[in-house]
Amino acid sequence: MKMIKKRFLISVFFLLLSFNVFAQNFNFSSPQLLTTAAGDIPKMATSSSGQYVYATWSNGLPGPIKLSISTDFGSTWNISTTLFWKW
């Protein structure tokens, strides 16, 4: 009985720990413009945990395709990198 209780408490501890590790408060009150009206629709993807967020966009044809990466659940972003030019 004592072993079952320990096992249960350890399971609950790890369950709560996993929720707290990936819990993040997001503020969507000031969205960032990824493209202009003439540009292409931005594309976004995340890692399985959501910690790494990738955004690509361009500002119309012809123009460069840009990439920006966030490593903190989208709170901050690196300076965009030009991947290649569309023709």
N, C-alpha and C. Protein backbone atom coordinates (compact mmCIF):
# COMPACT_ATOMS: atom_id res chain seq x y z
N MET A 1 0.82 -1.19 0.00
CA MET A 1 0.00 0.00 0.00
C MET A 1 0.87 1.26 0.00
N LYS A 2 1.94 1.24 0.81
CA LYS A 2 2.82 2.39 0.90
C LYS A 2 3.51 2.65 -0.44
N MET A 3 3.88 1.57 -1.14
CA MET A 3 4.54 1.69 -2.45
C MET A 3 3.58 2.30 -3.47
N ILE A 4 2.32 1.94 -3.44
CA ILE A 4 1.33 2.48 -4.37
C ILE A 4 1.14 3.97 -4.12
N LYS A 5 1.11 4.36 -2.85
CA LYS A 5 0.96 5.77 -2.51
C LYS A 5 2.16 6.58 -3.01
N LYS A 6 3.38 6.06 -2.83
CA LYS A 6 4.57 6.74 -3.32
C LYS A 6 4.52 6.89 -4.84
N ARG A 7 4.15 5.81 -5.49
CA ARG A 7 4.07 5.82 -6.95
C ARG A 7 3.05 6.86 -7.43
N PHE A 8 1.93 6.92 -6.76
CA PHE A 8 0.90 7.89 -7.11
C PHE A 8 1.41 9.32 -6.93
N LEU A 9 2.05 9.60 -5.80
CA LEU A 9 2.58 10.94 -5.54
C LEU A 9 3.66 11.33 -6.54
N ILE A 10 4.51 10.40 -6.90
CA ILE A 10 5.55 10.68 -7.91
C ILE A 10 4.90 10.96 -9.26
N SER A 11 3.89 10.20 -9.62
CA SER A 11 3.19 10.42 -10.89
C SER A 11 2.53 11.79 -10.93
N VAL A 12 1.88 12.17 -9.83
CA VAL A 12 1.24 13.49 -9.76
C VAL A 12 2.30 14.59 -9.85
N PHE A 13 3.42 14.42 -9.17
CA PHE A 13 4.50 15.41 -9.21
C PHE A 13 4.98 15.62 -10.64
N PHE A 14 5.27 14.54 -11.37
CA PHE A 14 5.75 14.69 -12.74
C PHE A 14 4.68 15.25 -13.67
N LEU A 15 3.44 14.93 -13.42
CA LEU A 15 2.36 15.49 -14.22
C LEU A 15 2.28 17.01 -14.02
N LEU A 16 2.33 17.46 -12.79
CA LEU A 16 2.31 18.90 -12.51
C LEU A 16 3.56 19.58 -13.04
N LEU A 17 4.69 18.94 -12.92
CA LEU A 17 5.94 19.50 -13.44
C LEU A 17 5.86 19.69 -14.95
N SER A 18 5.31 18.72 -15.66
CA SER A 18 5.23 18.84 -17.12
C SER A 18 4.30 19.97 -17.53
N PHE A 19 3.24 20.23 -16.78
CA PHE A 19 2.36 21.35 -17.11
C PHE A 19 3.07 22.68 -16.87
N ASN A 20 3.83 22.78 -15.79
CA ASN A 20 4.51 24.03 -15.47
C ASN A 20 5.68 24.33 -16.40
N VAL A 21 6.34 23.31 -16.90
CA VAL A 21 7.49 23.52 -17.79
C VAL A 21 7.05 24.21 -19.07
N PHE A 22 5.92 23.83 -19.62
CA PHE A 22 5.49 24.36 -20.90
C PHE A 22 4.42 25.45 -20.78
N ALA A 23 4.07 25.82 -19.55
CA ALA A 23 3.08 26.88 -19.39
C ALA A 23 3.72 28.22 -19.74
N GLN A 24 3.03 29.02 -20.50
CA GLN A 24 3.55 30.30 -20.94
C GLN A 24 2.39 31.27 -21.06
N ASN A 25 2.57 32.48 -20.61
CA ASN A 25 1.56 33.51 -20.79
C ASN A 25 1.84 34.24 -22.09
N PHE A 26 0.84 34.36 -22.92
CA PHE A 26 0.99 35.04 -24.20
C PHE A 26 0.19 36.32 -24.20
N ASN A 27 0.71 37.34 -24.81
CA ASN A 27 0.02 38.61 -24.95
C ASN A 27 -0.17 38.89 -26.43
N PHE A 28 -1.39 38.75 -26.91
CA PHE A 28 -1.68 38.97 -28.32
C PHE A 28 -2.29 40.34 -28.56
N SER A 29 -2.16 41.25 -27.60
CA SER A 29 -2.79 42.55 -27.74
C SER A 29 -2.07 43.46 -28.73
N SER A 30 -0.81 43.17 -29.04
CA SER A 30 -0.09 43.99 -30.02
C SER A 30 0.54 43.10 -31.09
N PRO A 31 -0.25 42.64 -32.05
CA PRO A 31 0.27 41.74 -33.08
C PRO A 31 1.32 42.42 -33.95
N GLN A 32 2.22 41.61 -34.49
CA GLN A 32 3.27 42.11 -35.36
C GLN A 32 2.88 41.86 -36.81
N LEU A 33 3.06 42.87 -37.65
CA LEU A 33 2.76 42.75 -39.07
C LEU A 33 3.90 42.01 -39.75
N LEU A 34 3.60 40.88 -40.37
CA LEU A 34 4.62 40.09 -41.04
C LEU A 34 4.71 40.38 -42.53
N THR A 35 3.74 41.04 -43.09
CA THR A 35 3.72 41.28 -44.52
C THR A 35 2.93 42.54 -44.82
N THR A 36 3.15 43.12 -45.96
CA THR A 36 2.37 44.28 -46.38
C THR A 36 1.14 43.80 -47.13
N ALA A 37 0.28 44.72 -47.51
CA ALA A 37 -0.94 44.35 -48.23
C ALA A 37 -0.62 43.67 -49.55
N ALA A 38 0.49 44.05 -50.18
CA ALA A 38 0.86 43.44 -51.46
C ALA A 38 1.63 42.14 -51.28
N GLY A 39 1.98 41.78 -50.06
CA GLY A 39 2.83 40.62 -49.81
C GLY A 39 2.07 39.31 -49.81
N ASP A 40 2.83 38.25 -49.65
CA ASP A 40 2.26 36.91 -49.59
C ASP A 40 1.86 36.59 -48.16
N ILE A 41 0.97 35.63 -48.02
CA ILE A 41 0.49 35.22 -46.70
C ILE A 41 1.65 34.62 -45.91
N PRO A 42 1.85 35.04 -44.68
CA PRO A 42 2.95 34.49 -43.88
C PRO A 42 2.68 33.03 -43.51
N LYS A 43 3.72 32.27 -43.32
CA LYS A 43 3.62 30.87 -42.89
C LYS A 43 4.31 30.76 -41.54
N MET A 44 3.69 30.01 -40.62
CA MET A 44 4.28 29.82 -39.30
C MET A 44 4.25 28.34 -38.94
N ALA A 45 5.26 27.91 -38.17
CA ALA A 45 5.34 26.53 -37.69
C ALA A 45 6.00 26.55 -36.32
N THR A 46 5.72 25.51 -35.53
CA THR A 46 6.34 25.41 -34.20
C THR A 46 6.94 24.03 -34.01
N SER A 47 7.81 23.93 -33.03
CA SER A 47 8.31 22.62 -32.62
C SER A 47 7.19 21.92 -31.85
N SER A 48 7.39 20.65 -31.54
CA SER A 48 6.33 19.90 -30.86
C SER A 48 5.99 20.49 -29.49
N SER A 49 6.95 21.10 -28.82
CA SER A 49 6.68 21.70 -27.51
C SER A 49 6.12 23.11 -27.63
N GLY A 50 6.27 23.73 -28.81
CA GLY A 50 5.84 25.11 -29.00
C GLY A 50 6.89 26.13 -28.63
N GLN A 51 8.03 25.66 -28.11
CA GLN A 51 9.08 26.59 -27.68
C GLN A 51 9.71 27.30 -28.87
N TYR A 52 9.95 26.57 -29.96
CA TYR A 52 10.57 27.16 -31.15
C TYR A 52 9.48 27.50 -32.16
N VAL A 53 9.43 28.75 -32.57
CA VAL A 53 8.42 29.21 -33.53
C VAL A 53 9.16 29.77 -34.74
N TYR A 54 8.75 29.35 -35.94
CA TYR A 54 9.38 29.77 -37.19
C TYR A 54 8.36 30.53 -38.03
N ALA A 55 8.75 31.68 -38.56
CA ALA A 55 7.86 32.48 -39.40
C ALA A 55 8.58 32.82 -40.70
N THR A 56 7.88 32.63 -41.83
CA THR A 56 8.41 33.04 -43.13
C THR A 56 7.40 33.96 -43.79
N TRP A 57 7.88 34.90 -44.60
CA TRP A 57 7.01 35.83 -45.31
C TRP A 57 7.79 36.50 -46.42
N SER A 58 7.07 37.17 -47.30
CA SER A 58 7.71 38.01 -48.31
C SER A 58 6.84 39.24 -48.52
N ASN A 59 7.38 40.22 -49.18
CA ASN A 59 6.63 41.45 -49.42
C ASN A 59 6.31 41.63 -50.89
N GLY A 60 5.82 40.60 -51.51
CA GLY A 60 5.39 40.68 -52.90
C GLY A 60 6.43 40.19 -53.89
N LEU A 61 6.02 40.12 -55.15
CA LEU A 61 6.89 39.63 -56.22
C LEU A 61 7.52 40.78 -56.97
N PRO A 62 8.74 40.74 -57.46
CA PRO A 62 9.73 39.80 -56.93
C PRO A 62 10.25 40.33 -55.60
N GLY A 63 10.62 39.48 -54.75
CA GLY A 63 11.11 39.92 -53.46
C GLY A 63 11.69 38.78 -52.67
N PRO A 64 12.42 39.10 -51.63
CA PRO A 64 13.05 38.04 -50.84
C PRO A 64 12.05 37.33 -49.95
N ILE A 65 12.30 36.06 -49.69
CA ILE A 65 11.56 35.32 -48.68
C ILE A 65 12.36 35.43 -47.40
N LYS A 66 11.71 35.88 -46.34
CA LYS A 66 12.37 36.14 -45.06
C LYS A 66 12.03 35.05 -44.05
N LEU A 67 12.93 34.83 -43.09
CA LEU A 67 12.74 33.87 -42.01
C LEU A 67 13.11 34.53 -40.70
N SER A 68 12.27 34.32 -39.68
CA SER A 68 12.58 34.76 -38.33
C SER A 68 12.26 33.62 -37.38
N ILE A 69 13.07 33.46 -36.34
CA ILE A 69 12.92 32.35 -35.41
C ILE A 69 12.82 32.88 -33.98
N SER A 70 11.91 32.28 -33.21
CA SER A 70 11.78 32.57 -31.79
C SER A 70 12.12 31.30 -31.02
N THR A 71 12.91 31.43 -29.97
CA THR A 71 13.27 30.27 -29.15
C THR A 71 12.60 30.31 -27.78
N ASP A 72 11.67 31.26 -27.59
CA ASP A 72 11.01 31.39 -26.29
C ASP A 72 9.49 31.51 -26.43
N PHE A 73 8.92 30.58 -27.18
CA PHE A 73 7.47 30.50 -27.36
C PHE A 73 6.88 31.70 -28.08
N GLY A 74 7.68 32.43 -28.86
CA GLY A 74 7.17 33.56 -29.62
C GLY A 74 7.22 34.89 -28.89
N SER A 75 7.82 34.92 -27.70
CA SER A 75 7.91 36.18 -26.95
C SER A 75 8.86 37.17 -27.61
N THR A 76 10.00 36.68 -28.06
CA THR A 76 10.97 37.53 -28.76
C THR A 76 11.39 36.84 -30.05
N TRP A 77 11.87 37.62 -31.00
CA TRP A 77 12.24 37.09 -32.32
C TRP A 77 13.63 37.57 -32.71
N ASN A 78 14.36 36.71 -33.46
CA ASN A 78 15.66 37.15 -33.95
C ASN A 78 15.46 38.06 -35.16
N ILE A 79 16.53 38.71 -35.60
CA ILE A 79 16.46 39.56 -36.79
C ILE A 79 16.22 38.66 -37.99
N SER A 80 15.34 39.07 -38.88
CA SER A 80 14.98 38.22 -40.02
C SER A 80 16.17 37.99 -40.94
N THR A 81 16.18 36.81 -41.56
CA THR A 81 17.21 36.40 -42.49
C THR A 81 16.58 36.21 -43.86
N THR A 82 17.26 36.65 -44.92
CA THR A 82 16.76 36.42 -46.27
C THR A 82 17.14 35.01 -46.69
N LEU A 83 16.13 34.20 -47.03
CA LEU A 83 16.39 32.83 -47.48
C LEU A 83 16.78 32.81 -48.95
N PHE A 84 15.94 33.39 -49.81
CA PHE A 84 16.25 33.50 -51.24
C PHE A 84 15.26 34.45 -51.88
N TRP A 85 15.57 34.87 -53.09
CA TRP A 85 14.71 35.79 -53.84
C TRP A 85 13.76 35.00 -54.71
N LYS A 86 12.51 35.42 -54.77
CA LYS A 86 11.53 34.83 -55.69
C LYS A 86 11.63 35.57 -57.01
N TRP A 87 11.46 34.90 -58.11
CA TRP A 87 11.53 35.55 -59.43
C TRP A 87 10.19 35.62 -60.06
